[in-house]
Amino acid sequence: MIRNVMDMNALYGGLNAAFLEAGKSVWVMNVVPTRTRNTLPLILDQGFAGILHDWCEPFPTYPRTYDMVHANGLLSNIILEGCSLKTLLLEIDRILRPEGWVVLSDKVGPIEDARMIATQIRWEARVIDLENGSEQRLLVCQKPFVRK
């Protein structure tokens, strides 16, 4: 059961809106990266929770943890900014509950890099090809309850 979700690259709050449209009772923290266009006012105008954050820095979550973490296109941005992909995934691991889910959508290169790191931190990870011939991939991971 998923009760709370973090959308790490919320843009306009689309994931939050999709959960509402599907009739799912889920609390979503919409995070707008500080190094992108500031769409936080649009998210807040819809009545959604949101915050600005620089993903090259730790996220202030204590004591909240999340059942699911989602990001669309964030990995490419992190790499372009010169930030560490490994540090980002370790930060996600810190804020993700045991048995929580990570869903990352991006281009093939960043997804494959993230998959290698995910297996190193002992997440169950698989890559899904969204469309034949497309550069977009989906990385779906689950953090185990107990480290193997």
N, C-alpha and C. Protein backbone atom coordinates (compact mmCIF):
# COMPACT_ATOMS: atom_id res chain seq x y z
N MET A 1 0.85 -1.18 0.00
CA MET A 1 0.00 0.00 0.00
C MET A 1 0.89 1.24 0.00
N ILE A 2 0.57 2.16 -0.85
CA ILE A 2 1.33 3.41 -0.94
C ILE A 2 0.49 4.53 -0.34
N ARG A 3 1.05 5.18 0.70
CA ARG A 3 0.35 6.27 1.36
C ARG A 3 0.95 7.61 1.06
N ASN A 4 2.27 7.66 0.96
CA ASN A 4 2.90 8.95 0.66
C ASN A 4 3.99 8.78 -0.38
N VAL A 5 4.06 9.77 -1.26
CA VAL A 5 4.93 9.71 -2.44
C VAL A 5 5.71 11.01 -2.53
N MET A 6 6.95 10.90 -3.01
CA MET A 6 7.71 12.10 -3.33
C MET A 6 7.92 12.12 -4.84
N ASP A 7 7.51 13.20 -5.47
CA ASP A 7 7.81 13.42 -6.88
C ASP A 7 8.99 14.37 -6.92
N MET A 8 10.17 13.85 -7.24
CA MET A 8 11.41 14.60 -7.14
C MET A 8 11.59 15.66 -8.22
N ASN A 9 10.84 15.56 -9.30
CA ASN A 9 10.90 16.52 -10.40
C ASN A 9 9.47 16.80 -10.85
N ALA A 10 8.72 17.47 -9.98
CA ALA A 10 7.27 17.56 -10.11
C ALA A 10 6.77 18.35 -11.32
N LEU A 11 7.52 19.29 -11.81
CA LEU A 11 7.13 20.16 -12.92
C LEU A 11 5.81 20.87 -12.61
N TYR A 12 4.66 20.31 -13.02
CA TYR A 12 3.36 20.96 -12.77
C TYR A 12 2.48 20.18 -11.80
N GLY A 13 3.01 19.14 -11.17
CA GLY A 13 2.23 18.35 -10.23
C GLY A 13 1.42 17.27 -10.92
N GLY A 14 1.87 16.80 -12.08
CA GLY A 14 1.15 15.81 -12.87
C GLY A 14 0.95 14.48 -12.17
N LEU A 15 1.95 14.00 -11.43
CA LEU A 15 1.80 12.73 -10.71
C LEU A 15 0.72 12.87 -9.64
N ASN A 16 0.73 13.98 -8.93
CA ASN A 16 -0.28 14.26 -7.91
C ASN A 16 -1.67 14.27 -8.54
N ALA A 17 -1.81 14.95 -9.67
CA ALA A 17 -3.10 15.02 -10.37
C ALA A 17 -3.54 13.64 -10.86
N ALA A 18 -2.60 12.83 -11.31
CA ALA A 18 -2.94 11.48 -11.79
C ALA A 18 -3.48 10.61 -10.66
N PHE A 19 -2.87 10.70 -9.48
CA PHE A 19 -3.38 9.94 -8.33
C PHE A 19 -4.79 10.40 -7.99
N LEU A 20 -5.01 11.70 -7.98
CA LEU A 20 -6.37 12.22 -7.67
C LEU A 20 -7.39 11.76 -8.70
N GLU A 21 -7.01 11.84 -9.97
CA GLU A 21 -7.92 11.43 -11.06
C GLU A 21 -8.26 9.95 -10.96
N ALA A 22 -7.30 9.15 -10.51
CA ALA A 22 -7.52 7.71 -10.36
C ALA A 22 -8.28 7.38 -9.07
N GLY A 23 -8.56 8.39 -8.27
CA GLY A 23 -9.29 8.17 -7.02
C GLY A 23 -8.45 7.56 -5.92
N LYS A 24 -7.14 7.69 -6.02
CA LYS A 24 -6.24 7.14 -5.01
C LYS A 24 -6.01 8.16 -3.90
N SER A 25 -6.08 7.70 -2.68
CA SER A 25 -5.86 8.56 -1.52
C SER A 25 -4.39 8.49 -1.14
N VAL A 26 -3.60 9.37 -1.77
CA VAL A 26 -2.15 9.37 -1.58
C VAL A 26 -1.71 10.81 -1.32
N TRP A 27 -0.81 10.99 -0.35
CA TRP A 27 -0.23 12.31 -0.09
C TRP A 27 1.05 12.42 -0.91
N VAL A 28 1.17 13.48 -1.69
CA VAL A 28 2.34 13.66 -2.57
C VAL A 28 3.10 14.92 -2.18
N MET A 29 4.40 14.77 -1.99
CA MET A 29 5.29 15.92 -1.83
C MET A 29 5.87 16.21 -3.21
N ASN A 30 5.45 17.34 -3.79
CA ASN A 30 5.92 17.76 -5.10
C ASN A 30 7.17 18.61 -4.93
N VAL A 31 8.30 18.13 -5.45
CA VAL A 31 9.56 18.85 -5.31
C VAL A 31 9.95 19.41 -6.68
N VAL A 32 10.20 20.71 -6.71
CA VAL A 32 10.65 21.37 -7.92
C VAL A 32 12.15 21.67 -7.74
N PRO A 33 12.99 21.08 -8.59
CA PRO A 33 14.43 21.33 -8.46
C PRO A 33 14.75 22.82 -8.65
N THR A 34 15.63 23.34 -7.82
CA THR A 34 15.94 24.78 -7.86
C THR A 34 16.66 25.19 -9.14
N ARG A 35 17.30 24.26 -9.80
CA ARG A 35 18.06 24.60 -11.00
C ARG A 35 17.22 24.47 -12.28
N THR A 36 15.90 24.34 -12.12
CA THR A 36 14.99 24.32 -13.26
C THR A 36 14.03 25.50 -13.13
N ARG A 37 13.13 25.62 -14.10
CA ARG A 37 12.13 26.69 -14.05
C ARG A 37 11.25 26.52 -12.81
N ASN A 38 10.99 27.59 -12.10
CA ASN A 38 10.21 27.53 -10.87
C ASN A 38 8.72 27.42 -11.18
N THR A 39 8.20 26.21 -11.13
CA THR A 39 6.78 25.97 -11.35
C THR A 39 6.03 25.74 -10.03
N LEU A 40 6.70 25.98 -8.91
CA LEU A 40 6.08 25.76 -7.61
C LEU A 40 4.79 26.56 -7.42
N PRO A 41 4.72 27.83 -7.86
CA PRO A 41 3.43 28.54 -7.69
C PRO A 41 2.26 27.84 -8.39
N LEU A 42 2.50 27.22 -9.53
CA LEU A 42 1.44 26.49 -10.23
C LEU A 42 0.99 25.27 -9.44
N ILE A 43 1.94 24.59 -8.82
CA ILE A 43 1.62 23.42 -7.99
C ILE A 43 0.81 23.85 -6.77
N LEU A 44 1.26 24.91 -6.11
CA LEU A 44 0.56 25.39 -4.91
C LEU A 44 -0.82 25.92 -5.25
N ASP A 45 -0.99 26.55 -6.42
CA ASP A 45 -2.31 27.05 -6.84
C ASP A 45 -3.33 25.93 -7.01
N GLN A 46 -2.85 24.72 -7.29
CA GLN A 46 -3.74 23.57 -7.43
C GLN A 46 -4.12 22.97 -6.07
N GLY A 47 -3.52 23.50 -5.01
CA GLY A 47 -3.79 22.99 -3.67
C GLY A 47 -2.90 21.82 -3.28
N PHE A 48 -1.83 21.60 -4.03
CA PHE A 48 -0.91 20.51 -3.75
C PHE A 48 0.21 20.99 -2.84
N ALA A 49 0.81 20.07 -2.09
CA ALA A 49 1.98 20.38 -1.26
C ALA A 49 3.21 20.41 -2.16
N GLY A 50 4.12 21.35 -1.90
CA GLY A 50 5.31 21.42 -2.73
C GLY A 50 6.42 22.20 -2.08
N ILE A 51 7.62 22.04 -2.64
CA ILE A 51 8.81 22.69 -2.10
C ILE A 51 9.84 22.80 -3.22
N LEU A 52 10.72 23.80 -3.12
CA LEU A 52 11.89 23.92 -3.99
C LEU A 52 13.06 23.21 -3.32
N HIS A 53 13.89 22.52 -4.11
CA HIS A 53 15.04 21.84 -3.52
C HIS A 53 16.13 21.64 -4.55
N ASP A 54 17.39 21.75 -4.12
CA ASP A 54 18.56 21.47 -4.95
C ASP A 54 18.97 20.02 -4.67
N TRP A 55 18.81 19.13 -5.67
CA TRP A 55 19.07 17.72 -5.47
C TRP A 55 20.56 17.38 -5.39
N CYS A 56 21.42 18.38 -5.50
CA CYS A 56 22.85 18.14 -5.23
C CYS A 56 23.12 18.21 -3.73
N GLU A 57 22.09 18.52 -2.96
CA GLU A 57 22.18 18.63 -1.50
C GLU A 57 21.23 17.62 -0.84
N PRO A 58 21.45 17.25 0.42
CA PRO A 58 20.52 16.36 1.13
C PRO A 58 19.14 17.01 1.28
N PHE A 59 18.11 16.18 1.31
CA PHE A 59 16.74 16.65 1.48
C PHE A 59 16.36 16.59 2.96
N PRO A 60 15.81 17.69 3.51
CA PRO A 60 15.45 17.70 4.95
C PRO A 60 14.14 16.94 5.20
N THR A 61 14.22 15.66 5.52
CA THR A 61 13.01 14.84 5.65
C THR A 61 12.67 14.43 7.07
N TYR A 62 13.61 14.50 7.96
CA TYR A 62 13.41 13.89 9.28
C TYR A 62 12.13 14.40 9.94
N PRO A 63 11.26 13.56 10.45
CA PRO A 63 11.35 12.10 10.49
C PRO A 63 10.59 11.42 9.35
N ARG A 64 10.04 12.16 8.39
CA ARG A 64 9.21 11.56 7.34
C ARG A 64 10.03 10.71 6.38
N THR A 65 9.46 9.55 6.05
CA THR A 65 10.00 8.72 4.98
C THR A 65 8.87 8.47 3.99
N TYR A 66 9.22 7.96 2.82
CA TYR A 66 8.25 7.83 1.74
C TYR A 66 8.09 6.39 1.30
N ASP A 67 6.85 6.04 0.90
CA ASP A 67 6.55 4.70 0.37
C ASP A 67 7.00 4.58 -1.08
N MET A 68 6.99 5.70 -1.80
CA MET A 68 7.39 5.68 -3.20
C MET A 68 8.07 7.00 -3.56
N VAL A 69 9.13 6.90 -4.35
CA VAL A 69 9.84 8.07 -4.85
C VAL A 69 9.80 7.99 -6.37
N HIS A 70 9.41 9.09 -7.00
CA HIS A 70 9.27 9.14 -8.46
C HIS A 70 10.08 10.31 -9.01
N ALA A 71 10.68 10.12 -10.17
CA ALA A 71 11.37 11.23 -10.84
C ALA A 71 11.35 10.99 -12.34
N ASN A 72 10.98 12.00 -13.08
CA ASN A 72 10.99 11.95 -14.53
C ASN A 72 12.01 12.96 -15.05
N GLY A 73 13.08 12.45 -15.68
CA GLY A 73 14.09 13.32 -16.27
C GLY A 73 15.10 13.91 -15.30
N LEU A 74 15.01 13.58 -14.03
CA LEU A 74 15.91 14.18 -13.04
C LEU A 74 17.35 13.68 -13.17
N LEU A 75 17.53 12.43 -13.52
CA LEU A 75 18.89 11.86 -13.59
C LEU A 75 19.74 12.61 -14.62
N SER A 76 19.18 12.89 -15.79
CA SER A 76 19.91 13.64 -16.82
C SER A 76 20.32 15.02 -16.31
N ASN A 77 19.40 15.68 -15.60
CA ASN A 77 19.70 17.01 -15.04
C ASN A 77 20.81 16.94 -14.01
N ILE A 78 20.78 15.94 -13.16
CA ILE A 78 21.80 15.77 -12.12
C ILE A 78 23.18 15.61 -12.76
N ILE A 79 23.25 14.79 -13.80
CA ILE A 79 24.53 14.55 -14.48
C ILE A 79 25.01 15.84 -15.15
N LEU A 80 24.11 16.58 -15.81
CA LEU A 80 24.48 17.84 -16.47
C LEU A 80 24.99 18.88 -15.48
N GLU A 81 24.45 18.86 -14.27
CA GLU A 81 24.86 19.83 -13.24
C GLU A 81 26.17 19.43 -12.57
N GLY A 82 26.68 18.25 -12.90
CA GLY A 82 27.94 17.81 -12.32
C GLY A 82 27.80 17.22 -10.93
N CYS A 83 26.58 16.86 -10.56
CA CYS A 83 26.34 16.26 -9.25
C CYS A 83 26.49 14.74 -9.35
N SER A 84 26.65 14.10 -8.23
CA SER A 84 26.88 12.66 -8.18
C SER A 84 25.57 11.88 -8.22
N LEU A 85 25.44 11.00 -9.20
CA LEU A 85 24.27 10.14 -9.31
C LEU A 85 24.23 9.16 -8.13
N LYS A 86 25.40 8.69 -7.73
CA LYS A 86 25.48 7.76 -6.60
C LYS A 86 25.00 8.43 -5.31
N THR A 87 25.41 9.67 -5.08
CA THR A 87 24.98 10.41 -3.89
C THR A 87 23.46 10.61 -3.91
N LEU A 88 22.90 10.91 -5.09
CA LEU A 88 21.45 11.08 -5.21
C LEU A 88 20.72 9.79 -4.86
N LEU A 89 21.18 8.66 -5.39
CA LEU A 89 20.51 7.39 -5.10
C LEU A 89 20.66 6.97 -3.64
N LEU A 90 21.79 7.28 -3.03
CA LEU A 90 21.94 7.02 -1.60
C LEU A 90 21.00 7.91 -0.78
N GLU A 91 20.78 9.12 -1.24
CA GLU A 91 19.82 10.02 -0.58
C GLU A 91 18.40 9.46 -0.71
N ILE A 92 18.07 8.94 -1.88
CA ILE A 92 16.76 8.31 -2.06
C ILE A 92 16.63 7.12 -1.12
N ASP A 93 17.68 6.32 -1.00
CA ASP A 93 17.66 5.17 -0.10
C ASP A 93 17.41 5.60 1.34
N ARG A 94 17.98 6.71 1.72
CA ARG A 94 17.81 7.22 3.08
C ARG A 94 16.37 7.62 3.37
N ILE A 95 15.69 8.22 2.40
CA ILE A 95 14.34 8.72 2.65
C ILE A 95 13.24 7.72 2.27
N LEU A 96 13.64 6.59 1.72
CA LEU A 96 12.67 5.57 1.29
C LEU A 96 12.48 4.54 2.39
N ARG A 97 11.23 4.21 2.68
CA ARG A 97 10.94 3.17 3.67
C ARG A 97 11.38 1.80 3.16
N PRO A 98 11.69 0.88 4.07
CA PRO A 98 11.94 -0.50 3.63
C PRO A 98 10.71 -1.02 2.88
N GLU A 99 10.95 -1.74 1.80
CA GLU A 99 9.94 -2.24 0.89
C GLU A 99 9.28 -1.13 0.08
N GLY A 100 9.88 0.06 0.08
CA GLY A 100 9.37 1.17 -0.72
C GLY A 100 9.82 1.05 -2.16
N TRP A 101 9.16 1.81 -3.03
CA TRP A 101 9.38 1.74 -4.47
C TRP A 101 10.04 3.00 -5.00
N VAL A 102 10.89 2.83 -6.00
CA VAL A 102 11.51 3.93 -6.73
C VAL A 102 11.15 3.75 -8.19
N VAL A 103 10.61 4.81 -8.81
CA VAL A 103 10.26 4.77 -10.22
C VAL A 103 10.95 5.96 -10.88
N LEU A 104 11.93 5.65 -11.74
CA LEU A 104 12.70 6.70 -12.41
C LEU A 104 12.53 6.55 -13.92
N SER A 105 12.23 7.65 -14.57
CA SER A 105 12.08 7.67 -16.02
C SER A 105 13.12 8.62 -16.60
N ASP A 106 13.88 8.15 -17.59
CA ASP A 106 14.91 8.99 -18.19
C ASP A 106 15.44 8.31 -19.45
N LYS A 107 16.52 8.87 -19.98
CA LYS A 107 17.17 8.30 -21.16
C LYS A 107 17.95 7.05 -20.78
N VAL A 108 18.31 6.26 -21.79
CA VAL A 108 18.98 4.97 -21.58
C VAL A 108 20.24 5.08 -20.72
N GLY A 109 21.15 6.00 -21.05
CA GLY A 109 22.43 6.11 -20.33
C GLY A 109 22.27 6.34 -18.84
N PRO A 110 21.56 7.40 -18.44
CA PRO A 110 21.39 7.64 -17.00
C PRO A 110 20.64 6.50 -16.29
N ILE A 111 19.67 5.88 -16.98
CA ILE A 111 18.93 4.78 -16.37
C ILE A 111 19.85 3.58 -16.13
N GLU A 112 20.70 3.26 -17.10
CA GLU A 112 21.63 2.13 -16.92
C GLU A 112 22.64 2.42 -15.80
N ASP A 113 23.11 3.66 -15.73
CA ASP A 113 24.02 4.04 -14.63
C ASP A 113 23.32 3.90 -13.29
N ALA A 114 22.07 4.35 -13.22
CA ALA A 114 21.30 4.26 -11.97
C ALA A 114 21.00 2.81 -11.62
N ARG A 115 20.76 1.96 -12.61
CA ARG A 115 20.49 0.55 -12.35
C ARG A 115 21.71 -0.13 -11.71
N MET A 116 22.90 0.20 -12.21
CA MET A 116 24.12 -0.38 -11.63
C MET A 116 24.28 0.04 -10.18
N ILE A 117 24.03 1.30 -9.89
CA ILE A 117 24.14 1.80 -8.52
C ILE A 117 23.06 1.17 -7.64
N ALA A 118 21.85 1.05 -8.18
CA ALA A 118 20.74 0.45 -7.43
C ALA A 118 21.06 -0.97 -7.00
N THR A 119 21.68 -1.75 -7.88
CA THR A 119 22.04 -3.12 -7.50
C THR A 119 23.16 -3.12 -6.46
N GLN A 120 24.05 -2.12 -6.51
CA GLN A 120 25.11 -2.03 -5.51
C GLN A 120 24.56 -1.73 -4.12
N ILE A 121 23.48 -0.96 -4.05
CA ILE A 121 22.89 -0.68 -2.73
C ILE A 121 21.79 -1.69 -2.39
N ARG A 122 21.78 -2.77 -3.17
CA ARG A 122 20.94 -3.94 -2.91
C ARG A 122 19.45 -3.71 -3.09
N TRP A 123 19.09 -2.83 -4.00
CA TRP A 123 17.69 -2.71 -4.39
C TRP A 123 17.41 -3.76 -5.44
N GLU A 124 16.19 -4.25 -5.47
CA GLU A 124 15.74 -5.09 -6.58
C GLU A 124 15.39 -4.13 -7.70
N ALA A 125 16.06 -4.26 -8.84
CA ALA A 125 15.91 -3.27 -9.91
C ALA A 125 15.69 -3.93 -11.26
N ARG A 126 14.81 -3.31 -12.05
CA ARG A 126 14.65 -3.76 -13.43
C ARG A 126 14.35 -2.56 -14.32
N VAL A 127 14.83 -2.68 -15.54
CA VAL A 127 14.64 -1.62 -16.53
C VAL A 127 13.54 -2.05 -17.48
N ILE A 128 12.64 -1.12 -17.77
CA ILE A 128 11.53 -1.38 -18.68
C ILE A 128 11.67 -0.47 -19.89
N ASP A 129 11.62 -1.08 -21.08
CA ASP A 129 11.67 -0.34 -22.35
C ASP A 129 10.25 0.15 -22.63
N LEU A 130 10.04 1.47 -22.65
CA LEU A 130 8.70 2.01 -22.81
C LEU A 130 8.16 1.85 -24.22
N GLU A 131 8.98 2.11 -25.23
CA GLU A 131 8.57 1.97 -26.63
C GLU A 131 9.76 1.48 -27.43
N ASN A 132 9.48 0.67 -28.45
CA ASN A 132 10.57 0.22 -29.32
C ASN A 132 11.19 1.41 -30.03
N GLY A 133 12.51 1.49 -30.00
CA GLY A 133 13.22 2.57 -30.67
C GLY A 133 13.30 3.86 -29.89
N SER A 134 12.65 3.94 -28.76
CA SER A 134 12.67 5.15 -27.95
C SER A 134 13.90 5.16 -27.05
N GLU A 135 14.40 6.34 -26.75
CA GLU A 135 15.52 6.49 -25.83
C GLU A 135 15.07 6.45 -24.37
N GLN A 136 13.77 6.53 -24.13
CA GLN A 136 13.24 6.57 -22.76
C GLN A 136 13.18 5.18 -22.15
N ARG A 137 13.58 5.09 -20.91
CA ARG A 137 13.50 3.85 -20.15
C ARG A 137 12.90 4.15 -18.78
N LEU A 138 12.38 3.12 -18.17
CA LEU A 138 11.82 3.22 -16.83
C LEU A 138 12.62 2.29 -15.94
N LEU A 139 13.11 2.80 -14.82
CA LEU A 139 13.80 1.98 -13.83
C LEU A 139 12.88 1.85 -12.64
N VAL A 140 12.50 0.61 -12.33
CA VAL A 140 11.62 0.34 -11.20
C VAL A 140 12.41 -0.46 -10.19
N CYS A 141 12.48 0.06 -8.97
CA CYS A 141 13.27 -0.59 -7.92
C CYS A 141 12.43 -0.73 -6.66
N GLN A 142 12.77 -1.73 -5.88
CA GLN A 142 12.18 -1.86 -4.55
C GLN A 142 13.30 -2.06 -3.54
N LYS A 143 13.22 -1.27 -2.48
CA LYS A 143 14.18 -1.40 -1.38
C LYS A 143 13.75 -2.58 -0.52
N PRO A 144 14.65 -3.52 -0.26
CA PRO A 144 14.27 -4.68 0.56
C PRO A 144 14.04 -4.30 2.02
N PHE A 145 13.29 -5.15 2.70
CA PHE A 145 13.04 -4.93 4.12
C PHE A 145 14.31 -5.14 4.93
N VAL A 146 15.08 -6.15 4.58
CA VAL A 146 16.33 -6.45 5.26
C VAL A 146 17.42 -6.55 4.20
N ARG A 147 18.57 -5.95 4.46
CA ARG A 147 19.70 -6.03 3.53
C ARG A 147 20.12 -7.49 3.34
N LYS A 148 20.34 -7.87 2.10
CA LYS A 148 20.74 -9.25 1.79
C LYS A 148 22.24 -9.40 1.93
